Amino acid sequence: MSVKVLEGYQREAELRRRWLSTWEKLGERILRMPRWMQNIILEDVNTAIANRVATMEMIQNAQRNR
């Protein structure tokens, strides 16, 4: 398996495509659940993503400050 390095607009377009594909798959599953479960899952997902982004930003900032 080869890894293709994308830059600029191509990279952004590919990331958006992958992001939308992921949410489409998850959304289908989440929408089959009762509304109260949907709310719990969406809160959990929001928290998990916010925490992951904050962690990655901290790592990025630590690497810049070396």
N, C-alpha and C. Protein backbone atom coordinates (compact mmCIF):
# COMPACT_ATOMS: atom_id res chain seq x y z
N MET A 1 0.84 -1.18 0.00
CA MET A 1 0.00 0.00 0.00
C MET A 1 0.88 1.24 0.00
N SER A 2 0.67 2.10 -0.94
CA SER A 2 1.46 3.32 -1.00
C SER A 2 0.68 4.48 -0.39
N VAL A 3 1.42 5.42 0.15
CA VAL A 3 0.81 6.59 0.76
C VAL A 3 1.01 7.76 -0.18
N LYS A 4 -0.10 8.41 -0.53
CA LYS A 4 -0.04 9.55 -1.42
C LYS A 4 -0.01 10.82 -0.58
N VAL A 5 0.96 11.68 -0.86
CA VAL A 5 1.05 12.93 -0.13
C VAL A 5 0.31 14.00 -0.93
N LEU A 6 -0.71 14.54 -0.32
CA LEU A 6 -1.51 15.57 -0.97
C LEU A 6 -1.19 16.91 -0.33
N GLU A 7 -1.23 17.95 -1.15
CA GLU A 7 -0.95 19.28 -0.63
C GLU A 7 -2.03 20.25 -1.05
N GLY A 8 -2.14 21.33 -0.30
CA GLY A 8 -3.05 22.41 -0.65
C GLY A 8 -4.49 21.99 -0.77
N TYR A 9 -5.11 22.42 -1.87
CA TYR A 9 -6.53 22.19 -2.08
C TYR A 9 -6.86 20.70 -2.14
N GLN A 10 -6.01 19.91 -2.77
CA GLN A 10 -6.25 18.46 -2.86
C GLN A 10 -6.32 17.83 -1.48
N ARG A 11 -5.41 18.22 -0.62
CA ARG A 11 -5.35 17.68 0.74
C ARG A 11 -6.62 18.05 1.49
N GLU A 12 -7.00 19.33 1.41
CA GLU A 12 -8.20 19.79 2.11
C GLU A 12 -9.44 19.09 1.58
N ALA A 13 -9.55 18.94 0.27
CA ALA A 13 -10.71 18.27 -0.33
C ALA A 13 -10.79 16.81 0.12
N GLU A 14 -9.67 16.13 0.15
CA GLU A 14 -9.65 14.72 0.58
C GLU A 14 -10.04 14.60 2.05
N LEU A 15 -9.53 15.50 2.90
CA LEU A 15 -9.90 15.46 4.32
C LEU A 15 -11.39 15.72 4.51
N ARG A 16 -11.93 16.67 3.75
CA ARG A 16 -13.36 16.94 3.84
C ARG A 16 -14.17 15.74 3.39
N ARG A 17 -13.75 15.07 2.31
CA ARG A 17 -14.44 13.89 1.82
C ARG A 17 -14.45 12.80 2.88
N ARG A 18 -13.30 12.57 3.50
CA ARG A 18 -13.21 11.54 4.53
C ARG A 18 -14.05 11.89 5.75
N TRP A 19 -14.01 13.17 6.12
CA TRP A 19 -14.79 13.64 7.27
C TRP A 19 -16.28 13.42 7.04
N LEU A 20 -16.76 13.82 5.86
CA LEU A 20 -18.18 13.67 5.53
C LEU A 20 -18.58 12.20 5.45
N SER A 21 -17.72 11.37 4.90
CA SER A 21 -17.99 9.94 4.81
C SER A 21 -18.13 9.33 6.21
N THR A 22 -17.22 9.70 7.09
CA THR A 22 -17.26 9.19 8.46
C THR A 22 -18.56 9.59 9.14
N TRP A 23 -18.96 10.86 9.03
CA TRP A 23 -20.17 11.34 9.68
C TRP A 23 -21.41 10.74 9.06
N GLU A 24 -21.37 10.49 7.76
CA GLU A 24 -22.53 9.87 7.11
C GLU A 24 -22.76 8.47 7.67
N LYS A 25 -21.70 7.70 7.80
CA LYS A 25 -21.82 6.33 8.34
C LYS A 25 -22.29 6.35 9.79
N LEU A 26 -21.67 7.21 10.60
CA LEU A 26 -22.07 7.29 12.01
C LEU A 26 -23.49 7.82 12.16
N GLY A 27 -23.82 8.83 11.34
CA GLY A 27 -25.15 9.43 11.41
C GLY A 27 -26.26 8.43 11.16
N GLU A 28 -26.05 7.55 10.21
CA GLU A 28 -27.06 6.52 9.91
C GLU A 28 -27.31 5.65 11.13
N ARG A 29 -26.24 5.26 11.80
CA ARG A 29 -26.39 4.41 12.98
C ARG A 29 -27.02 5.16 14.14
N ILE A 30 -26.57 6.41 14.34
CA ILE A 30 -27.07 7.20 15.46
C ILE A 30 -28.56 7.49 15.30
N LEU A 31 -28.98 7.79 14.07
CA LEU A 31 -30.39 8.14 13.84
C LEU A 31 -31.35 6.97 14.06
N ARG A 32 -30.84 5.76 14.10
CA ARG A 32 -31.70 4.60 14.38
C ARG A 32 -31.98 4.43 15.86
N MET A 33 -31.30 5.20 16.69
CA MET A 33 -31.44 5.08 18.14
C MET A 33 -32.50 6.06 18.65
N PRO A 34 -33.01 5.80 19.85
CA PRO A 34 -33.95 6.75 20.45
C PRO A 34 -33.28 8.12 20.65
N ARG A 35 -34.09 9.17 20.65
CA ARG A 35 -33.55 10.53 20.75
C ARG A 35 -32.68 10.73 21.99
N TRP A 36 -33.05 10.16 23.13
CA TRP A 36 -32.26 10.37 24.33
C TRP A 36 -30.87 9.75 24.18
N MET A 37 -30.77 8.63 23.48
CA MET A 37 -29.46 8.03 23.23
C MET A 37 -28.66 8.87 22.23
N GLN A 38 -29.36 9.42 21.24
CA GLN A 38 -28.69 10.29 20.27
C GLN A 38 -28.03 11.47 20.98
N ASN A 39 -28.76 12.07 21.91
CA ASN A 39 -28.20 13.22 22.64
C ASN A 39 -26.97 12.83 23.44
N ILE A 40 -27.00 11.69 24.09
CA ILE A 40 -25.84 11.23 24.86
C ILE A 40 -24.65 11.00 23.94
N ILE A 41 -24.88 10.33 22.83
CA ILE A 41 -23.79 10.03 21.89
C ILE A 41 -23.20 11.32 21.33
N LEU A 42 -24.06 12.26 20.93
CA LEU A 42 -23.54 13.50 20.37
C LEU A 42 -22.74 14.30 21.39
N GLU A 43 -23.16 14.30 22.64
CA GLU A 43 -22.38 14.95 23.70
C GLU A 43 -21.04 14.26 23.87
N ASP A 44 -21.04 12.92 23.88
CA ASP A 44 -19.80 12.16 24.02
C ASP A 44 -18.84 12.43 22.86
N VAL A 45 -19.38 12.44 21.64
CA VAL A 45 -18.56 12.68 20.45
C VAL A 45 -17.96 14.08 20.51
N ASN A 46 -18.77 15.06 20.87
CA ASN A 46 -18.29 16.43 20.97
C ASN A 46 -17.16 16.54 21.98
N THR A 47 -17.33 15.93 23.14
CA THR A 47 -16.31 15.96 24.18
C THR A 47 -15.03 15.26 23.72
N ALA A 48 -15.20 14.09 23.11
CA ALA A 48 -14.03 13.32 22.65
C ALA A 48 -13.24 14.08 21.59
N ILE A 49 -13.94 14.67 20.64
CA ILE A 49 -13.24 15.40 19.58
C ILE A 49 -12.56 16.64 20.13
N ALA A 50 -13.26 17.38 20.99
CA ALA A 50 -12.66 18.59 21.59
C ALA A 50 -11.40 18.22 22.37
N ASN A 51 -11.45 17.13 23.14
CA ASN A 51 -10.28 16.70 23.92
C ASN A 51 -9.15 16.26 23.01
N ARG A 52 -9.45 15.54 21.95
CA ARG A 52 -8.41 15.07 21.02
C ARG A 52 -7.75 16.26 20.32
N VAL A 53 -8.55 17.21 19.87
CA VAL A 53 -8.00 18.39 19.20
C VAL A 53 -7.11 19.17 20.16
N ALA A 54 -7.57 19.36 21.39
CA ALA A 54 -6.76 20.08 22.38
C ALA A 54 -5.45 19.37 22.64
N THR A 55 -5.48 18.04 22.74
CA THR A 55 -4.27 17.26 22.96
C THR A 55 -3.30 17.41 21.78
N MET A 56 -3.83 17.31 20.57
CA MET A 56 -2.97 17.43 19.39
C MET A 56 -2.38 18.84 19.27
N GLU A 57 -3.17 19.85 19.63
CA GLU A 57 -2.64 21.23 19.63
C GLU A 57 -1.53 21.40 20.64
N MET A 58 -1.68 20.79 21.82
CA MET A 58 -0.61 20.85 22.82
C MET A 58 0.65 20.19 22.32
N ILE A 59 0.52 19.04 21.67
CA ILE A 59 1.68 18.36 21.11
C ILE A 59 2.34 19.22 20.03
N GLN A 60 1.53 19.78 19.17
CA GLN A 60 2.04 20.64 18.11
C GLN A 60 2.78 21.85 18.69
N ASN A 61 2.20 22.49 19.68
CA ASN A 61 2.84 23.65 20.29
C ASN A 61 4.14 23.27 21.00
N ALA A 62 4.16 22.12 21.66
CA ALA A 62 5.38 21.66 22.33
C ALA A 62 6.49 21.40 21.32
N GLN A 63 6.14 20.85 20.17
CA GLN A 63 7.15 20.57 19.13
C GLN A 63 7.67 21.86 18.53
N ARG A 64 6.83 22.87 18.40
CA ARG A 64 7.27 24.16 17.86
C ARG A 64 8.22 24.87 18.81
N ASN A 65 8.01 24.68 20.11
CA ASN A 65 8.80 25.39 21.12
C ASN A 65 10.11 24.71 21.45
N ARG A 66 10.44 23.67 20.75
CA ARG A 66 11.72 22.98 21.03
C ARG A 66 12.88 23.75 20.49
